[in-house]
Amino acid sequence: MFTGEIKYSLGKKEAARLRYSESEDGFSLESVIVPFNHRGCGIGTSLIRRLLVLADGMEMAVLTSARPIGSVDSEKVERLVRFYEKFDFQVYERGVSAVYMKRKITA
């Protein structure tokens, strides 16, 4: 298994990061961290798109979980589900504090 990180910087100060792992079965998007004061600027979208370009080029699926950091409530989870659906992720399982999603191979 390989793990990696994609970083997004504003000037010299790091602003955001995406962590992922790769196996024979595909990629797992582990986390997307965007500082609160930078949210809504398209940084998270940019990070995810970079990972999806890599996955598409290798013809691999991507798994993730819509799981908010901090306190968990259904509104936060559903907001994350809608966010990931913009990238063609589909729900395959709902848990108590997370929704598990998969983006199929798009070659």
N, C-alpha and C. Protein backbone atom coordinates (compact mmCIF):
# COMPACT_ATOMS: atom_id res chain seq x y z
N MET A 1 0.84 -1.17 0.00
CA MET A 1 0.00 0.00 0.00
C MET A 1 0.89 1.24 0.00
N PHE A 2 0.47 2.24 -0.73
CA PHE A 2 1.17 3.51 -0.84
C PHE A 2 0.28 4.59 -0.23
N THR A 3 0.86 5.50 0.52
CA THR A 3 0.10 6.64 1.03
C THR A 3 0.73 7.92 0.51
N GLY A 4 -0.10 8.92 0.31
CA GLY A 4 0.41 10.16 -0.23
C GLY A 4 -0.38 11.35 0.26
N GLU A 5 0.11 12.51 -0.14
CA GLU A 5 -0.51 13.75 0.29
C GLU A 5 -0.39 14.76 -0.85
N ILE A 6 -1.44 15.50 -1.06
CA ILE A 6 -1.44 16.60 -2.02
C ILE A 6 -1.65 17.86 -1.20
N LYS A 7 -0.76 18.82 -1.36
CA LYS A 7 -0.84 20.06 -0.58
C LYS A 7 -1.22 21.23 -1.47
N TYR A 8 -1.91 22.18 -0.86
CA TYR A 8 -2.29 23.42 -1.53
C TYR A 8 -1.77 24.56 -0.68
N SER A 9 -0.96 25.42 -1.28
CA SER A 9 -0.35 26.51 -0.52
C SER A 9 -0.80 27.86 -1.05
N LEU A 10 -0.86 28.80 -0.13
CA LEU A 10 -1.08 30.21 -0.49
C LEU A 10 0.19 30.94 -0.06
N GLY A 11 0.97 31.34 -1.02
CA GLY A 11 2.26 31.93 -0.70
C GLY A 11 3.15 30.87 -0.08
N LYS A 12 3.83 31.20 0.99
CA LYS A 12 4.71 30.25 1.66
C LYS A 12 4.00 29.48 2.76
N LYS A 13 2.78 29.89 3.09
CA LYS A 13 2.06 29.24 4.17
C LYS A 13 1.13 28.17 3.63
N GLU A 14 1.26 26.95 4.14
CA GLU A 14 0.39 25.86 3.69
C GLU A 14 -1.04 26.14 4.11
N ALA A 15 -1.98 25.95 3.19
CA ALA A 15 -3.37 26.26 3.49
C ALA A 15 -4.24 25.01 3.61
N ALA A 16 -3.92 23.96 2.90
CA ALA A 16 -4.80 22.80 2.89
C ALA A 16 -4.02 21.56 2.46
N ARG A 17 -4.63 20.38 2.72
CA ARG A 17 -3.99 19.13 2.31
C ARG A 17 -5.04 18.04 2.12
N LEU A 18 -4.72 17.12 1.23
CA LEU A 18 -5.54 15.93 0.99
C LEU A 18 -4.64 14.74 1.22
N ARG A 19 -5.11 13.80 2.01
CA ARG A 19 -4.35 12.56 2.25
C ARG A 19 -5.10 11.40 1.61
N TYR A 20 -4.31 10.50 1.01
CA TYR A 20 -4.92 9.35 0.33
C TYR A 20 -4.01 8.15 0.47
N SER A 21 -4.59 7.00 0.18
CA SER A 21 -3.80 5.78 0.10
C SER A 21 -4.18 5.08 -1.20
N GLU A 22 -3.25 4.27 -1.68
CA GLU A 22 -3.45 3.55 -2.94
C GLU A 22 -3.14 2.08 -2.71
N SER A 23 -4.01 1.22 -3.22
CA SER A 23 -3.78 -0.22 -3.17
C SER A 23 -4.10 -0.79 -4.54
N GLU A 24 -4.01 -2.08 -4.67
CA GLU A 24 -4.35 -2.72 -5.95
C GLU A 24 -5.80 -2.49 -6.33
N ASP A 25 -6.67 -2.31 -5.33
CA ASP A 25 -8.10 -2.15 -5.57
C ASP A 25 -8.50 -0.72 -5.93
N GLY A 26 -7.64 0.25 -5.67
CA GLY A 26 -7.96 1.63 -5.98
C GLY A 26 -7.41 2.59 -4.94
N PHE A 27 -7.95 3.78 -4.97
CA PHE A 27 -7.54 4.83 -4.05
C PHE A 27 -8.55 4.97 -2.91
N SER A 28 -8.05 5.42 -1.78
CA SER A 28 -8.90 5.76 -0.66
C SER A 28 -8.58 7.20 -0.28
N LEU A 29 -9.56 8.06 -0.42
CA LEU A 29 -9.40 9.46 -0.04
C LEU A 29 -9.60 9.49 1.47
N GLU A 30 -8.52 9.69 2.20
CA GLU A 30 -8.56 9.59 3.67
C GLU A 30 -9.07 10.87 4.32
N SER A 31 -8.58 12.02 3.87
CA SER A 31 -9.04 13.28 4.48
C SER A 31 -8.74 14.45 3.56
N VAL A 32 -9.58 15.46 3.67
CA VAL A 32 -9.37 16.75 3.01
C VAL A 32 -9.49 17.78 4.12
N ILE A 33 -8.40 18.47 4.39
CA ILE A 33 -8.37 19.46 5.45
C ILE A 33 -8.17 20.84 4.84
N VAL A 34 -9.16 21.69 4.99
CA VAL A 34 -9.07 23.08 4.54
C VAL A 34 -9.36 23.95 5.75
N PRO A 35 -8.41 24.81 6.13
CA PRO A 35 -8.66 25.69 7.27
C PRO A 35 -9.95 26.49 7.09
N PHE A 36 -10.64 26.72 8.18
CA PHE A 36 -11.96 27.35 8.15
C PHE A 36 -11.96 28.65 7.35
N ASN A 37 -10.95 29.49 7.54
CA ASN A 37 -10.93 30.79 6.87
C ASN A 37 -10.66 30.69 5.37
N HIS A 38 -10.39 29.49 4.85
CA HIS A 38 -10.17 29.30 3.41
C HIS A 38 -11.27 28.46 2.76
N ARG A 39 -12.26 28.07 3.54
CA ARG A 39 -13.34 27.24 2.97
C ARG A 39 -14.22 28.06 2.05
N GLY A 40 -14.79 27.38 1.07
CA GLY A 40 -15.66 28.04 0.11
C GLY A 40 -14.91 28.74 -1.02
N CYS A 41 -13.61 28.55 -1.08
CA CYS A 41 -12.78 29.19 -2.12
C CYS A 41 -12.40 28.23 -3.25
N GLY A 42 -12.84 26.99 -3.17
CA GLY A 42 -12.53 26.01 -4.21
C GLY A 42 -11.26 25.22 -3.97
N ILE A 43 -10.64 25.39 -2.81
CA ILE A 43 -9.39 24.68 -2.54
C ILE A 43 -9.62 23.18 -2.39
N GLY A 44 -10.63 22.79 -1.61
CA GLY A 44 -10.95 21.37 -1.46
C GLY A 44 -11.31 20.74 -2.79
N THR A 45 -12.08 21.44 -3.58
CA THR A 45 -12.44 20.95 -4.91
C THR A 45 -11.20 20.72 -5.76
N SER A 46 -10.28 21.67 -5.74
CA SER A 46 -9.04 21.55 -6.51
C SER A 46 -8.23 20.33 -6.07
N LEU A 47 -8.12 20.12 -4.76
CA LEU A 47 -7.37 18.97 -4.25
C LEU A 47 -8.00 17.65 -4.69
N ILE A 48 -9.32 17.55 -4.58
CA ILE A 48 -10.01 16.32 -4.97
C ILE A 48 -9.86 16.08 -6.47
N ARG A 49 -9.99 17.11 -7.26
CA ARG A 49 -9.84 16.94 -8.71
C ARG A 49 -8.46 16.42 -9.08
N ARG A 50 -7.44 16.87 -8.38
CA ARG A 50 -6.08 16.37 -8.65
C ARG A 50 -5.99 14.87 -8.38
N LEU A 51 -6.59 14.42 -7.28
CA LEU A 51 -6.58 12.99 -6.99
C LEU A 51 -7.38 12.22 -8.03
N LEU A 52 -8.51 12.76 -8.47
CA LEU A 52 -9.35 12.06 -9.45
C LEU A 52 -8.67 11.96 -10.80
N VAL A 53 -7.89 12.96 -11.18
CA VAL A 53 -7.12 12.87 -12.43
C VAL A 53 -6.13 11.71 -12.35
N LEU A 54 -5.47 11.58 -11.22
CA LEU A 54 -4.53 10.48 -11.01
C LEU A 54 -5.26 9.13 -11.08
N ALA A 55 -6.39 9.03 -10.37
CA ALA A 55 -7.17 7.78 -10.35
C ALA A 55 -7.68 7.43 -11.74
N ASP A 56 -8.21 8.42 -12.46
CA ASP A 56 -8.72 8.17 -13.80
C ASP A 56 -7.61 7.72 -14.74
N GLY A 57 -6.45 8.34 -14.62
CA GLY A 57 -5.31 7.96 -15.46
C GLY A 57 -4.86 6.53 -15.23
N MET A 58 -5.06 6.06 -14.01
CA MET A 58 -4.67 4.69 -13.66
C MET A 58 -5.87 3.73 -13.73
N GLU A 59 -7.03 4.25 -14.13
CA GLU A 59 -8.27 3.49 -14.24
C GLU A 59 -8.59 2.77 -12.92
N MET A 60 -8.62 3.56 -11.84
CA MET A 60 -8.89 3.02 -10.51
C MET A 60 -10.06 3.75 -9.86
N ALA A 61 -10.82 3.01 -9.07
CA ALA A 61 -11.92 3.59 -8.31
C ALA A 61 -11.37 4.35 -7.10
N VAL A 62 -12.21 5.19 -6.51
CA VAL A 62 -11.83 5.95 -5.32
C VAL A 62 -12.92 5.79 -4.27
N LEU A 63 -12.50 5.43 -3.07
CA LEU A 63 -13.41 5.30 -1.92
C LEU A 63 -13.19 6.46 -0.97
N THR A 64 -14.23 6.87 -0.27
CA THR A 64 -14.10 7.88 0.78
C THR A 64 -15.26 7.73 1.74
N SER A 65 -15.17 8.46 2.83
CA SER A 65 -16.30 8.51 3.77
C SER A 65 -16.62 9.96 4.06
N ALA A 66 -17.90 10.28 4.03
CA ALA A 66 -18.36 11.61 4.40
C ALA A 66 -18.47 11.60 5.92
N ARG A 67 -17.42 12.12 6.55
CA ARG A 67 -17.31 12.06 8.01
C ARG A 67 -16.73 13.39 8.48
N PRO A 68 -17.56 14.24 9.08
CA PRO A 68 -17.06 15.56 9.49
C PRO A 68 -16.06 15.46 10.65
N ILE A 69 -15.19 16.44 10.71
CA ILE A 69 -14.25 16.55 11.82
C ILE A 69 -14.96 17.28 12.94
N GLY A 70 -14.73 16.86 14.15
CA GLY A 70 -15.39 17.50 15.30
C GLY A 70 -16.74 16.87 15.57
N SER A 71 -17.65 17.68 16.03
CA SER A 71 -18.98 17.16 16.36
C SER A 71 -19.70 16.69 15.10
N VAL A 72 -20.41 15.60 15.24
CA VAL A 72 -21.10 14.99 14.11
C VAL A 72 -22.60 15.21 14.26
N ASP A 73 -23.20 15.75 13.23
CA ASP A 73 -24.65 15.82 13.16
C ASP A 73 -25.07 15.53 11.72
N SER A 74 -26.32 15.16 11.55
CA SER A 74 -26.77 14.71 10.23
C SER A 74 -26.64 15.81 9.18
N GLU A 75 -26.80 17.07 9.55
CA GLU A 75 -26.68 18.15 8.58
C GLU A 75 -25.25 18.25 8.03
N LYS A 76 -24.24 18.12 8.90
CA LYS A 76 -22.85 18.16 8.46
C LYS A 76 -22.53 16.98 7.55
N VAL A 77 -23.02 15.80 7.92
CA VAL A 77 -22.77 14.61 7.11
C VAL A 77 -23.41 14.77 5.73
N GLU A 78 -24.65 15.22 5.68
CA GLU A 78 -25.35 15.36 4.40
C GLU A 78 -24.71 16.45 3.54
N ARG A 79 -24.17 17.48 4.15
CA ARG A 79 -23.46 18.52 3.40
C ARG A 79 -22.23 17.91 2.72
N LEU A 80 -21.53 17.03 3.44
CA LEU A 80 -20.36 16.36 2.86
C LEU A 80 -20.78 15.40 1.75
N VAL A 81 -21.89 14.69 1.95
CA VAL A 81 -22.38 13.77 0.91
C VAL A 81 -22.66 14.56 -0.37
N ARG A 82 -23.34 15.68 -0.26
CA ARG A 82 -23.63 16.50 -1.45
C ARG A 82 -22.34 17.00 -2.10
N PHE A 83 -21.35 17.35 -1.28
CA PHE A 83 -20.06 17.80 -1.81
C PHE A 83 -19.41 16.70 -2.64
N TYR A 84 -19.33 15.49 -2.10
CA TYR A 84 -18.69 14.38 -2.82
C TYR A 84 -19.51 13.94 -4.03
N GLU A 85 -20.83 14.08 -3.98
CA GLU A 85 -21.66 13.72 -5.13
C GLU A 85 -21.33 14.58 -6.34
N LYS A 86 -20.83 15.79 -6.13
CA LYS A 86 -20.43 16.65 -7.26
C LYS A 86 -19.30 16.02 -8.08
N PHE A 87 -18.58 15.09 -7.47
CA PHE A 87 -17.46 14.42 -8.14
C PHE A 87 -17.83 12.99 -8.56
N ASP A 88 -19.12 12.70 -8.60
CA ASP A 88 -19.65 11.39 -9.03
C ASP A 88 -19.44 10.27 -8.01
N PHE A 89 -19.22 10.63 -6.75
CA PHE A 89 -19.20 9.60 -5.71
C PHE A 89 -20.64 9.20 -5.43
N GLN A 90 -20.85 7.91 -5.15
CA GLN A 90 -22.18 7.40 -4.83
C GLN A 90 -22.14 6.69 -3.48
N VAL A 91 -23.21 6.84 -2.73
CA VAL A 91 -23.31 6.21 -1.42
C VAL A 91 -23.45 4.71 -1.60
N TYR A 92 -22.67 3.93 -0.84
CA TYR A 92 -22.86 2.49 -0.84
C TYR A 92 -23.16 1.96 0.56
N GLU A 93 -22.98 2.79 1.59
CA GLU A 93 -23.33 2.35 2.95
C GLU A 93 -23.44 3.58 3.86
N ARG A 94 -24.45 3.53 4.74
CA ARG A 94 -24.64 4.61 5.72
C ARG A 94 -24.37 4.07 7.10
N GLY A 95 -23.50 4.76 7.84
CA GLY A 95 -23.20 4.40 9.21
C GLY A 95 -23.79 5.44 10.16
N VAL A 96 -23.50 5.30 11.43
CA VAL A 96 -24.02 6.22 12.43
C VAL A 96 -23.39 7.60 12.29
N SER A 97 -22.08 7.67 12.11
CA SER A 97 -21.40 8.97 12.06
C SER A 97 -20.72 9.25 10.72
N ALA A 98 -20.91 8.37 9.74
CA ALA A 98 -20.28 8.55 8.43
C ALA A 98 -21.10 7.88 7.35
N VAL A 99 -20.94 8.39 6.14
CA VAL A 99 -21.55 7.79 4.96
C VAL A 99 -20.40 7.37 4.05
N TYR A 100 -20.39 6.12 3.63
CA TYR A 100 -19.31 5.56 2.83
C TYR A 100 -19.68 5.67 1.36
N MET A 101 -18.73 6.19 0.57
CA MET A 101 -19.02 6.51 -0.82
C MET A 101 -17.92 5.96 -1.74
N LYS A 102 -18.30 5.76 -3.01
CA LYS A 102 -17.36 5.22 -3.99
C LYS A 102 -17.56 5.94 -5.31
N ARG A 103 -16.46 6.24 -5.95
CA ARG A 103 -16.47 6.78 -7.31
C ARG A 103 -15.89 5.71 -8.21
N LYS A 104 -16.72 5.23 -9.13
CA LYS A 104 -16.29 4.14 -10.00
C LYS A 104 -15.27 4.62 -11.02
N ILE A 105 -14.65 3.68 -11.65
CA ILE A 105 -13.64 3.98 -12.67
C ILE A 105 -14.28 4.73 -13.81
N THR A 106 -13.67 5.85 -14.20
CA THR A 106 -14.16 6.63 -15.33
C THR A 106 -13.01 6.85 -16.30
N ALA A 107 -12.86 5.92 -17.20
CA ALA A 107 -11.75 6.02 -18.16
C ALA A 107 -12.25 6.39 -19.53
